[in-house]
Amino acid sequence: LDPIRPGVRPGSDTAHLALLGYDPFEVYPGRGPLEAL
């Protein structure tokens, strides 16, 4: 599995968004809001 797509170095945040069926390039708000939540 390429967590996001081949050649993309994933963060844990963007990778988990992808594993949950969301396009991280469209919905990723930055790490700060996710850590705060």
PDB file of all heavy atoms in Angstrom:
ATOM      1  N   LEU A   1       0.838  -1.190   0.000  1.00  0.00           N
ATOM      2  CA  LEU A   1       0.000   0.000   0.000  1.00  0.00           C
ATOM      3  C   LEU A   1       0.878   1.246   0.000  1.00  0.00           C
ATOM      4  O   LEU A   1       1.791   1.373   0.821  1.00  0.00           O
ATOM      5  CB  LEU A   1      -0.885  -0.012   1.253  1.00  0.00           C
ATOM      6  CG  LEU A   1      -1.984   1.044   1.361  1.00  0.00           C
ATOM      7  CD1 LEU A   1      -3.135   0.692   0.415  1.00  0.00           C
ATOM      8  CD2 LEU A   1      -2.494   1.135   2.795  1.00  0.00           C
ATOM      9  N   ASP A   2       0.622   2.156  -0.925  1.00  0.00           N
ATOM     10  CA  ASP A   2       1.190   3.498  -0.853  1.00  0.00           C
ATOM     11  C   ASP A   2       0.186   4.343  -0.077  1.00  0.00           C
ATOM     12  O   ASP A   2      -0.904   4.635  -0.603  1.00  0.00           O
ATOM     13  CB  ASP A   2       1.401   4.070  -2.260  1.00  0.00           C
ATOM     14  CG  ASP A   2       2.473   3.317  -3.024  1.00  0.00           C
ATOM     15  OD1 ASP A   2       3.661   3.491  -2.703  1.00  0.00           O
ATOM     16  OD2 ASP A   2       2.117   2.549  -3.944  1.00  0.00           O
ATOM     17  N   PRO A   3       0.492   4.718   1.165  1.00  0.00           N
ATOM     18  CA  PRO A   3      -0.533   5.318   2.027  1.00  0.00           C
ATOM     19  C   PRO A   3      -1.290   6.484   1.390  1.00  0.00           C
ATOM     20  O   PRO A   3      -2.496   6.620   1.596  1.00  0.00           O
ATOM     21  CB  PRO A   3       0.274   5.768   3.243  1.00  0.00           C
ATOM     22  CG  PRO A   3       1.396   4.776   3.311  1.00  0.00           C
ATOM     23  CD  PRO A   3       1.758   4.512   1.882  1.00  0.00           C
ATOM     24  N   ILE A   4      -0.594   7.318   0.622  1.00  0.00           N
ATOM     25  CA  ILE A   4      -1.286   8.396  -0.096  1.00  0.00           C
ATOM     26  C   ILE A   4      -1.239   8.107  -1.596  1.00  0.00           C
ATOM     27  O   ILE A   4      -2.253   7.893  -2.231  1.00  0.00           O
ATOM     28  CB  ILE A   4      -0.680   9.762   0.246  1.00  0.00           C
ATOM     29  CG1 ILE A   4      -0.889  10.062   1.743  1.00  0.00           C
ATOM     30  CG2 ILE A   4      -1.332  10.867  -0.607  1.00  0.00           C
ATOM     31  CD1 ILE A   4      -0.272  11.345   2.222  1.00  0.00           C
ATOM     32  N   ARG A   5      -0.034   8.083  -2.153  1.00  0.00           N
ATOM     33  CA  ARG A   5       0.183   7.635  -3.518  1.00  0.00           C
ATOM     34  C   ARG A   5       1.692   7.471  -3.697  1.00  0.00           C
ATOM     35  O   ARG A   5       2.475   7.978  -2.893  1.00  0.00           O
ATOM     36  CB  ARG A   5      -0.406   8.601  -4.546  1.00  0.00           C
ATOM     37  CG  ARG A   5       0.187   9.990  -4.566  1.00  0.00           C
ATOM     38  CD  ARG A   5      -0.657  10.895  -5.461  1.00  0.00           C
ATOM     39  NE  ARG A   5      -0.039  12.211  -5.620  1.00  0.00           N
ATOM     40  CZ  ARG A   5      -0.711  13.303  -5.943  1.00  0.00           C
ATOM     41  NH1 ARG A   5      -2.032  13.231  -6.125  1.00  0.00           N
ATOM     42  NH2 ARG A   5      -0.099  14.455  -6.105  1.00  0.00           N
ATOM     43  N   PRO A   6       2.147   6.762  -4.721  1.00  0.00           N
ATOM     44  CA  PRO A   6       3.582   6.502  -4.860  1.00  0.00           C
ATOM     45  C   PRO A   6       4.409   7.781  -4.868  1.00  0.00           C
ATOM     46  O   PRO A   6       4.061   8.772  -5.517  1.00  0.00           O
ATOM     47  CB  PRO A   6       3.681   5.772  -6.213  1.00  0.00           C
ATOM     48  CG  PRO A   6       2.356   5.120  -6.380  1.00  0.00           C
ATOM     49  CD  PRO A   6       1.366   6.079  -5.780  1.00  0.00           C
ATOM     50  N   GLY A   7       5.501   7.745  -4.115  1.00  0.00           N
ATOM     51  CA  GLY A   7       6.424   8.875  -4.094  1.00  0.00           C
ATOM     52  C   GLY A   7       6.062  10.002  -3.158  1.00  0.00           C
ATOM     53  O   GLY A   7       6.814  10.967  -3.044  1.00  0.00           O
ATOM     54  N   VAL A   8       4.931   9.909  -2.459  1.00  0.00           N
ATOM     55  CA  VAL A   8       4.536  10.939  -1.506  1.00  0.00           C
ATOM     56  C   VAL A   8       4.933  10.492  -0.106  1.00  0.00           C
ATOM     57  O   VAL A   8       4.520   9.421   0.347  1.00  0.00           O
ATOM     58  CB  VAL A   8       3.019  11.210  -1.558  1.00  0.00           C
ATOM     59  CG1 VAL A   8       2.612  12.208  -0.469  1.00  0.00           C
ATOM     60  CG2 VAL A   8       2.626  11.747  -2.928  1.00  0.00           C
ATOM     61  N   ARG A   9       5.744  11.301   0.593  1.00  0.00           N
ATOM     62  CA  ARG A   9       6.127  11.003   1.975  1.00  0.00           C
ATOM     63  C   ARG A   9       4.988  11.422   2.891  1.00  0.00           C
ATOM     64  O   ARG A   9       4.716  12.602   3.046  1.00  0.00           O
ATOM     65  CB  ARG A   9       7.401  11.754   2.360  1.00  0.00           C
ATOM     66  CG  ARG A   9       8.653  11.285   1.660  1.00  0.00           C
ATOM     67  CD  ARG A   9       9.834  12.124   2.091  1.00  0.00           C
ATOM     68  NE  ARG A   9      10.034  12.071   3.541  1.00  0.00           N
ATOM     69  CZ  ARG A   9      10.768  12.953   4.220  1.00  0.00           C
ATOM     70  NH1 ARG A   9      11.340  13.975   3.588  1.00  0.00           N
ATOM     71  NH2 ARG A   9      10.918  12.835   5.525  1.00  0.00           N
ATOM     72  N   PRO A  10       4.308  10.466   3.502  1.00  0.00           N
ATOM     73  CA  PRO A  10       3.119  10.821   4.270  1.00  0.00           C
ATOM     74  C   PRO A  10       3.460  11.275   5.687  1.00  0.00           C
ATOM     75  O   PRO A  10       4.377  10.754   6.329  1.00  0.00           O
ATOM     76  CB  PRO A  10       2.329   9.504   4.330  1.00  0.00           C
ATOM     77  CG  PRO A  10       3.118   8.507   3.540  1.00  0.00           C
ATOM     78  CD  PRO A  10       4.503   9.024   3.435  1.00  0.00           C
ATOM     79  N   GLY A  11       2.693  12.219   6.193  1.00  0.00           N
ATOM     80  CA  GLY A  11       2.635  12.438   7.623  1.00  0.00           C
ATOM     81  C   GLY A  11       1.651  11.443   8.207  1.00  0.00           C
ATOM     82  O   GLY A  11       0.830  10.856   7.487  1.00  0.00           O
ATOM     83  N   SER A  12       1.712  11.248   9.514  1.00  0.00           N
ATOM     84  CA  SER A  12       0.717  10.363  10.130  1.00  0.00           C
ATOM     85  C   SER A  12      -0.690  10.901   9.929  1.00  0.00           C
ATOM     86  O   SER A  12      -1.654  10.141   9.776  1.00  0.00           O
ATOM     87  CB  SER A  12       1.005  10.212  11.630  1.00  0.00           C
ATOM     88  OG  SER A  12       2.178   9.469  11.838  1.00  0.00           O
ATOM     89  N   ASP A  13      -0.812  12.236   9.928  1.00  0.00           N
ATOM     90  CA  ASP A  13      -2.131  12.851   9.772  1.00  0.00           C
ATOM     91  C   ASP A  13      -2.682  12.661   8.368  1.00  0.00           C
ATOM     92  O   ASP A  13      -3.793  12.150   8.187  1.00  0.00           O
ATOM     93  CB  ASP A  13      -2.075  14.337  10.142  1.00  0.00           C
ATOM     94  CG  ASP A  13      -0.817  15.040   9.638  1.00  0.00           C
ATOM     95  OD1 ASP A  13      -0.152  14.526   8.710  1.00  0.00           O
ATOM     96  OD2 ASP A  13      -0.494  16.118  10.169  1.00  0.00           O
ATOM     97  N   THR A  14      -1.894  13.028   7.358  1.00  0.00           N
ATOM     98  CA  THR A  14      -2.383  12.896   5.978  1.00  0.00           C
ATOM     99  C   THR A  14      -2.602  11.433   5.605  1.00  0.00           C
ATOM    100  O   THR A  14      -3.536  11.103   4.869  1.00  0.00           O
ATOM    101  CB  THR A  14      -1.403  13.551   5.000  1.00  0.00           C
ATOM    102  OG1 THR A  14      -0.073  13.046   5.238  1.00  0.00           O
ATOM    103  CG2 THR A  14      -1.391  15.068   5.182  1.00  0.00           C
ATOM    104  N   ALA A  15      -1.738  10.540   6.126  1.00  0.00           N
ATOM    105  CA  ALA A  15      -1.902   9.117   5.835  1.00  0.00           C
ATOM    106  C   ALA A  15      -3.184   8.571   6.443  1.00  0.00           C
ATOM    107  O   ALA A  15      -3.913   7.808   5.795  1.00  0.00           O
ATOM    108  CB  ALA A  15      -0.694   8.334   6.349  1.00  0.00           C
ATOM    109  N   HIS A  16      -3.476   8.934   7.688  1.00  0.00           N
ATOM    110  CA  HIS A  16      -4.707   8.433   8.302  1.00  0.00           C
ATOM    111  C   HIS A  16      -5.950   8.981   7.599  1.00  0.00           C
ATOM    112  O   HIS A  16      -6.954   8.265   7.476  1.00  0.00           O
ATOM    113  CB  HIS A  16      -4.740   8.781   9.794  1.00  0.00           C
ATOM    114  CG  HIS A  16      -4.037   7.773  10.653  1.00  0.00           C
ATOM    115  ND1 HIS A  16      -2.672   7.735  10.785  1.00  0.00           N
ATOM    116  CD2 HIS A  16      -4.517   6.738  11.398  1.00  0.00           C
ATOM    117  CE1 HIS A  16      -2.331   6.733  11.580  1.00  0.00           C
ATOM    118  NE2 HIS A  16      -3.441   6.111  11.973  1.00  0.00           N
ATOM    119  N   LEU A  17      -5.900  10.214   7.151  1.00  0.00           N
ATOM    120  CA  LEU A  17      -7.028  10.740   6.376  1.00  0.00           C
ATOM    121  C   LEU A  17      -7.251   9.882   5.129  1.00  0.00           C
ATOM    122  O   LEU A  17      -8.395   9.536   4.795  1.00  0.00           O
ATOM    123  CB  LEU A  17      -6.773  12.195   5.979  1.00  0.00           C
ATOM    124  CG  LEU A  17      -6.951  13.233   7.086  1.00  0.00           C
ATOM    125  CD1 LEU A  17      -6.408  14.588   6.644  1.00  0.00           C
ATOM    126  CD2 LEU A  17      -8.424  13.357   7.478  1.00  0.00           C
ATOM    127  N   ALA A  18      -6.158   9.511   4.462  1.00  0.00           N
ATOM    128  CA  ALA A  18      -6.282   8.678   3.265  1.00  0.00           C
ATOM    129  C   ALA A  18      -6.832   7.300   3.611  1.00  0.00           C
ATOM    130  O   ALA A  18      -7.701   6.767   2.906  1.00  0.00           O
ATOM    131  CB  ALA A  18      -4.929   8.559   2.577  1.00  0.00           C
ATOM    132  N   LEU A  19      -6.335   6.699   4.703  1.00  0.00           N
ATOM    133  CA  LEU A  19      -6.823   5.379   5.100  1.00  0.00           C
ATOM    134  C   LEU A  19      -8.308   5.412   5.455  1.00  0.00           C
ATOM    135  O   LEU A  19      -9.002   4.402   5.338  1.00  0.00           O
ATOM    136  CB  LEU A  19      -6.019   4.852   6.287  1.00  0.00           C
ATOM    137  CG  LEU A  19      -4.526   4.585   6.042  1.00  0.00           C
ATOM    138  CD1 LEU A  19      -3.857   4.099   7.323  1.00  0.00           C
ATOM    139  CD2 LEU A  19      -4.320   3.575   4.920  1.00  0.00           C
ATOM    140  N   LEU A  20      -8.787   6.575   5.885  1.00  0.00           N
ATOM    141  CA  LEU A  20     -10.205   6.726   6.227  1.00  0.00           C
ATOM    142  C   LEU A  20     -11.045   7.170   5.030  1.00  0.00           C
ATOM    143  O   LEU A  20     -12.226   7.492   5.183  1.00  0.00           O
ATOM    144  CB  LEU A  20     -10.355   7.719   7.380  1.00  0.00           C
ATOM    145  CG  LEU A  20      -9.845   7.194   8.738  1.00  0.00           C
ATOM    146  CD1 LEU A  20      -9.724   8.339   9.738  1.00  0.00           C
ATOM    147  CD2 LEU A  20     -10.783   6.114   9.274  1.00  0.00           C
ATOM    148  N   GLY A  21     -10.422   7.170   3.847  1.00  0.00           N
ATOM    149  CA  GLY A  21     -11.185   7.422   2.628  1.00  0.00           C
ATOM    150  C   GLY A  21     -11.323   8.874   2.237  1.00  0.00           C
ATOM    151  O   GLY A  21     -12.163   9.208   1.394  1.00  0.00           O
ATOM    152  N   TYR A  22     -10.477   9.751   2.781  1.00  0.00           N
ATOM    153  CA  TYR A  22     -10.518  11.178   2.440  1.00  0.00           C
ATOM    154  C   TYR A  22      -9.266  11.549   1.663  1.00  0.00           C
ATOM    155  O   TYR A  22      -8.179  11.021   1.923  1.00  0.00           O
ATOM    156  CB  TYR A  22     -10.605  12.031   3.712  1.00  0.00           C
ATOM    157  CG  TYR A  22     -11.936  11.962   4.408  1.00  0.00           C
ATOM    158  CD1 TYR A  22     -12.263  10.877   5.209  1.00  0.00           C
ATOM    159  CD2 TYR A  22     -12.874  12.986   4.263  1.00  0.00           C
ATOM    160  CE1 TYR A  22     -13.492  10.798   5.852  1.00  0.00           C
ATOM    161  CE2 TYR A  22     -14.109  12.918   4.904  1.00  0.00           C
ATOM    162  CZ  TYR A  22     -14.411  11.823   5.692  1.00  0.00           C
ATOM    163  OH  TYR A  22     -15.637  11.753   6.324  1.00  0.00           O
ATOM    164  N   ASP A  23      -9.409  12.472   0.716  1.00  0.00           N
ATOM    165  CA  ASP A  23      -8.263  12.963  -0.044  1.00  0.00           C
ATOM    166  C   ASP A  23      -7.556  14.024   0.797  1.00  0.00           C
ATOM    167  O   ASP A  23      -8.082  15.120   0.996  1.00  0.00           O
ATOM    168  CB  ASP A  23      -8.724  13.572  -1.366  1.00  0.00           C
ATOM    169  CG  ASP A  23      -7.561  14.020  -2.247  1.00  0.00           C
ATOM    170  OD1 ASP A  23      -6.426  14.122  -1.737  1.00  0.00           O
ATOM    171  OD2 ASP A  23      -7.786  14.285  -3.436  1.00  0.00           O
ATOM    172  N   PRO A  24      -6.355  13.739   1.325  1.00  0.00           N
ATOM    173  CA  PRO A  24      -5.700  14.718   2.197  1.00  0.00           C
ATOM    174  C   PRO A  24      -5.344  16.011   1.486  1.00  0.00           C
ATOM    175  O   PRO A  24      -5.197  17.053   2.133  1.00  0.00           O
ATOM    176  CB  PRO A  24      -4.455  13.973   2.689  1.00  0.00           C
ATOM    177  CG  PRO A  24      -4.218  12.896   1.693  1.00  0.00           C
ATOM    178  CD  PRO A  24      -5.566  12.505   1.188  1.00  0.00           C
ATOM    179  N   PHE A  25      -5.210  15.952   0.163  1.00  0.00           N
ATOM    180  CA  PHE A  25      -4.917  17.181  -0.581  1.00  0.00           C
ATOM    181  C   PHE A  25      -6.114  18.136  -0.575  1.00  0.00           C
ATOM    182  O   PHE A  25      -5.960  19.324  -0.841  1.00  0.00           O
ATOM    183  CB  PHE A  25      -4.510  16.851  -2.018  1.00  0.00           C
ATOM    184  CG  PHE A  25      -3.203  16.121  -2.121  1.00  0.00           C
ATOM    185  CD1 PHE A  25      -3.172  14.756  -2.332  1.00  0.00           C
ATOM    186  CD2 PHE A  25      -1.994  16.795  -1.990  1.00  0.00           C
ATOM    187  CE1 PHE A  25      -1.973  14.061  -2.417  1.00  0.00           C
ATOM    188  CE2 PHE A  25      -0.791  16.111  -2.070  1.00  0.00           C
ATOM    189  CZ  PHE A  25      -0.778  14.747  -2.281  1.00  0.00           C
ATOM    190  N   GLU A  26      -7.293  17.616  -0.245  1.00  0.00           N
ATOM    191  CA  GLU A  26      -8.500  18.442  -0.229  1.00  0.00           C
ATOM    192  C   GLU A  26      -8.930  18.844   1.179  1.00  0.00           C
ATOM    193  O   GLU A  26      -9.457  19.943   1.372  1.00  0.00           O
ATOM    194  CB  GLU A  26      -9.657  17.700  -0.910  1.00  0.00           C
ATOM    195  CG  GLU A  26      -9.459  17.470  -2.404  1.00  0.00           C
ATOM    196  CD  GLU A  26     -10.652  16.751  -3.013  1.00  0.00           C
ATOM    197  OE1 GLU A  26     -11.611  16.432  -2.273  1.00  0.00           O
ATOM    198  OE2 GLU A  26     -10.612  16.490  -4.234  1.00  0.00           O
ATOM    199  N   VAL A  27      -8.706  17.979   2.179  1.00  0.00           N
ATOM    200  CA  VAL A  27      -9.316  18.229   3.495  1.00  0.00           C
ATOM    201  C   VAL A  27      -8.309  18.451   4.613  1.00  0.00           C
ATOM    202  O   VAL A  27      -8.713  18.732   5.746  1.00  0.00           O
ATOM    203  CB  VAL A  27     -10.260  17.069   3.897  1.00  0.00           C
ATOM    204  CG1 VAL A  27     -11.324  16.851   2.842  1.00  0.00           C
ATOM    205  CG2 VAL A  27      -9.481  15.776   4.144  1.00  0.00           C
ATOM    206  N   TYR A  28      -7.017  18.353   4.348  1.00  0.00           N
ATOM    207  CA  TYR A  28      -6.039  18.473   5.425  1.00  0.00           C
ATOM    208  C   TYR A  28      -5.984  19.909   5.954  1.00  0.00           C
ATOM    209  O   TYR A  28      -5.686  20.832   5.204  1.00  0.00           O
ATOM    210  CB  TYR A  28      -4.664  18.050   4.918  1.00  0.00           C
ATOM    211  CG  TYR A  28      -3.566  18.135   5.949  1.00  0.00           C
ATOM    212  CD1 TYR A  28      -3.698  17.535   7.191  1.00  0.00           C
ATOM    213  CD2 TYR A  28      -2.371  18.804   5.674  1.00  0.00           C
ATOM    214  CE1 TYR A  28      -2.690  17.588   8.132  1.00  0.00           C
ATOM    215  CE2 TYR A  28      -1.350  18.861   6.603  1.00  0.00           C
ATOM    216  CZ  TYR A  28      -1.513  18.254   7.830  1.00  0.00           C
ATOM    217  OH  TYR A  28      -0.504  18.320   8.770  1.00  0.00           O
ATOM    218  N   PRO A  29      -6.261  20.130   7.253  1.00  0.00           N
ATOM    219  CA  PRO A  29      -6.301  21.495   7.794  1.00  0.00           C
ATOM    220  C   PRO A  29      -4.980  21.954   8.403  1.00  0.00           C
ATOM    221  O   PRO A  29      -4.907  23.049   8.951  1.00  0.00           O
ATOM    222  CB  PRO A  29      -7.350  21.363   8.898  1.00  0.00           C
ATOM    223  CG  PRO A  29      -7.127  19.995   9.441  1.00  0.00           C
ATOM    224  CD  PRO A  29      -6.736  19.147   8.248  1.00  0.00           C
ATOM    225  N   GLY A  30      -3.935  21.141   8.300  1.00  0.00           N
ATOM    226  CA  GLY A  30      -2.712  21.400   9.041  1.00  0.00           C
ATOM    227  C   GLY A  30      -2.731  20.615  10.336  1.00  0.00           C
ATOM    228  O   GLY A  30      -3.780  20.209  10.839  1.00  0.00           O
ATOM    229  N   ARG A  31      -1.536  20.398  10.893  1.00  0.00           N
ATOM    230  CA  ARG A  31      -1.451  19.517  12.053  1.00  0.00           C
ATOM    231  C   ARG A  31      -1.988  20.159  13.319  1.00  0.00           C
ATOM    232  O   ARG A  31      -2.530  19.488  14.190  1.00  0.00           O
ATOM    233  CB  ARG A  31      -0.004  19.085  12.260  1.00  0.00           C
ATOM    234  CG  ARG A  31       0.163  18.063  13.370  1.00  0.00           C
ATOM    235  CD  ARG A  31       1.312  17.151  13.110  1.00  0.00           C
ATOM    236  NE  ARG A  31       1.407  16.106  14.126  1.00  0.00           N
ATOM    237  CZ  ARG A  31       2.198  15.049  14.045  1.00  0.00           C
ATOM    238  NH1 ARG A  31       2.948  14.882  12.989  1.00  0.00           N
ATOM    239  NH2 ARG A  31       2.240  14.146  15.004  1.00  0.00           N
ATOM    240  N   GLY A  32      -1.838  21.480  13.434  1.00  0.00           N
ATOM    241  CA  GLY A  32      -2.239  22.151  14.662  1.00  0.00           C
ATOM    242  C   GLY A  32      -3.676  21.892  15.080  1.00  0.00           C
ATOM    243  O   GLY A  32      -3.933  21.487  16.223  1.00  0.00           O
ATOM    244  N   PRO A  33      -4.653  22.100  14.203  1.00  0.00           N
ATOM    245  CA  PRO A  33      -6.046  21.852  14.601  1.00  0.00           C
ATOM    246  C   PRO A  33      -6.313  20.408  14.994  1.00  0.00           C
ATOM    247  O   PRO A  33      -7.093  20.144  15.921  1.00  0.00           O
ATOM    248  CB  PRO A  33      -6.842  22.238  13.339  1.00  0.00           C
ATOM    249  CG  PRO A  33      -5.965  23.176  12.603  1.00  0.00           C
ATOM    250  CD  PRO A  33      -4.567  22.708  12.862  1.00  0.00           C
ATOM    251  N   LEU A  34      -5.662  19.461  14.327  1.00  0.00           N
ATOM    252  CA  LEU A  34      -5.880  18.055  14.649  1.00  0.00           C
ATOM    253  C   LEU A  34      -5.318  17.719  16.028  1.00  0.00           C
ATOM    254  O   LEU A  34      -5.949  17.016  16.814  1.00  0.00           O
ATOM    255  CB  LEU A  34      -5.237  17.174  13.583  1.00  0.00           C
ATOM    256  CG  LEU A  34      -5.799  17.338  12.168  1.00  0.00           C
ATOM    257  CD1 LEU A  34      -5.005  16.500  11.176  1.00  0.00           C
ATOM    258  CD2 LEU A  34      -7.273  16.965  12.112  1.00  0.00           C
ATOM    259  N   GLU A  35      -4.128  18.216  16.326  1.00  0.00           N
ATOM    260  CA  GLU A  35      -3.538  17.990  17.650  1.00  0.00           C
ATOM    261  C   GLU A  35      -4.413  18.616  18.735  1.00  0.00           C
ATOM    262  O   GLU A  35      -4.629  18.025  19.804  1.00  0.00           O
ATOM    263  CB  GLU A  35      -2.132  18.584  17.716  1.00  0.00           C
ATOM    264  CG  GLU A  35      -1.106  17.857  16.869  1.00  0.00           C
ATOM    265  CD  GLU A  35      -0.494  16.661  17.572  1.00  0.00           C
ATOM    266  OE1 GLU A  35      -0.918  16.338  18.698  1.00  0.00           O
ATOM    267  OE2 GLU A  35       0.418  16.048  16.975  1.00  0.00           O
ATOM    268  N   ALA A  36      -4.925  19.820  18.461  1.00  0.00           N
ATOM    269  CA  ALA A  36      -5.753  20.495  19.461  1.00  0.00           C
ATOM    270  C   ALA A  36      -7.047  19.728  19.726  1.00  0.00           C
ATOM    271  O   ALA A  36      -7.443  19.529  20.877  1.00  0.00           O
ATOM    272  CB  ALA A  36      -6.058  21.929  19.010  1.00  0.00           C
ATOM    273  N   LEU A  37      -7.707  19.293  18.666  1.00  0.00           N
ATOM    274  CA  LEU A  37      -8.924  18.500  18.839  1.00  0.00           C
ATOM    275  C   LEU A  37      -8.629  17.228  19.614  1.00  0.00           C
ATOM    276  O   LEU A  37      -9.394  16.819  20.487  1.00  0.00           O
ATOM    277  CB  LEU A  37      -9.518  18.157  17.469  1.00  0.00           C
ATOM    278  CG  LEU A  37     -10.197  19.287  16.703  1.00  0.00           C
ATOM    279  CD1 LEU A  37     -10.488  18.844  15.272  1.00  0.00           C
ATOM    280  CD2 LEU A  37     -11.481  19.731  17.388  1.00  0.00           C
TER     281      LEU A  37
END
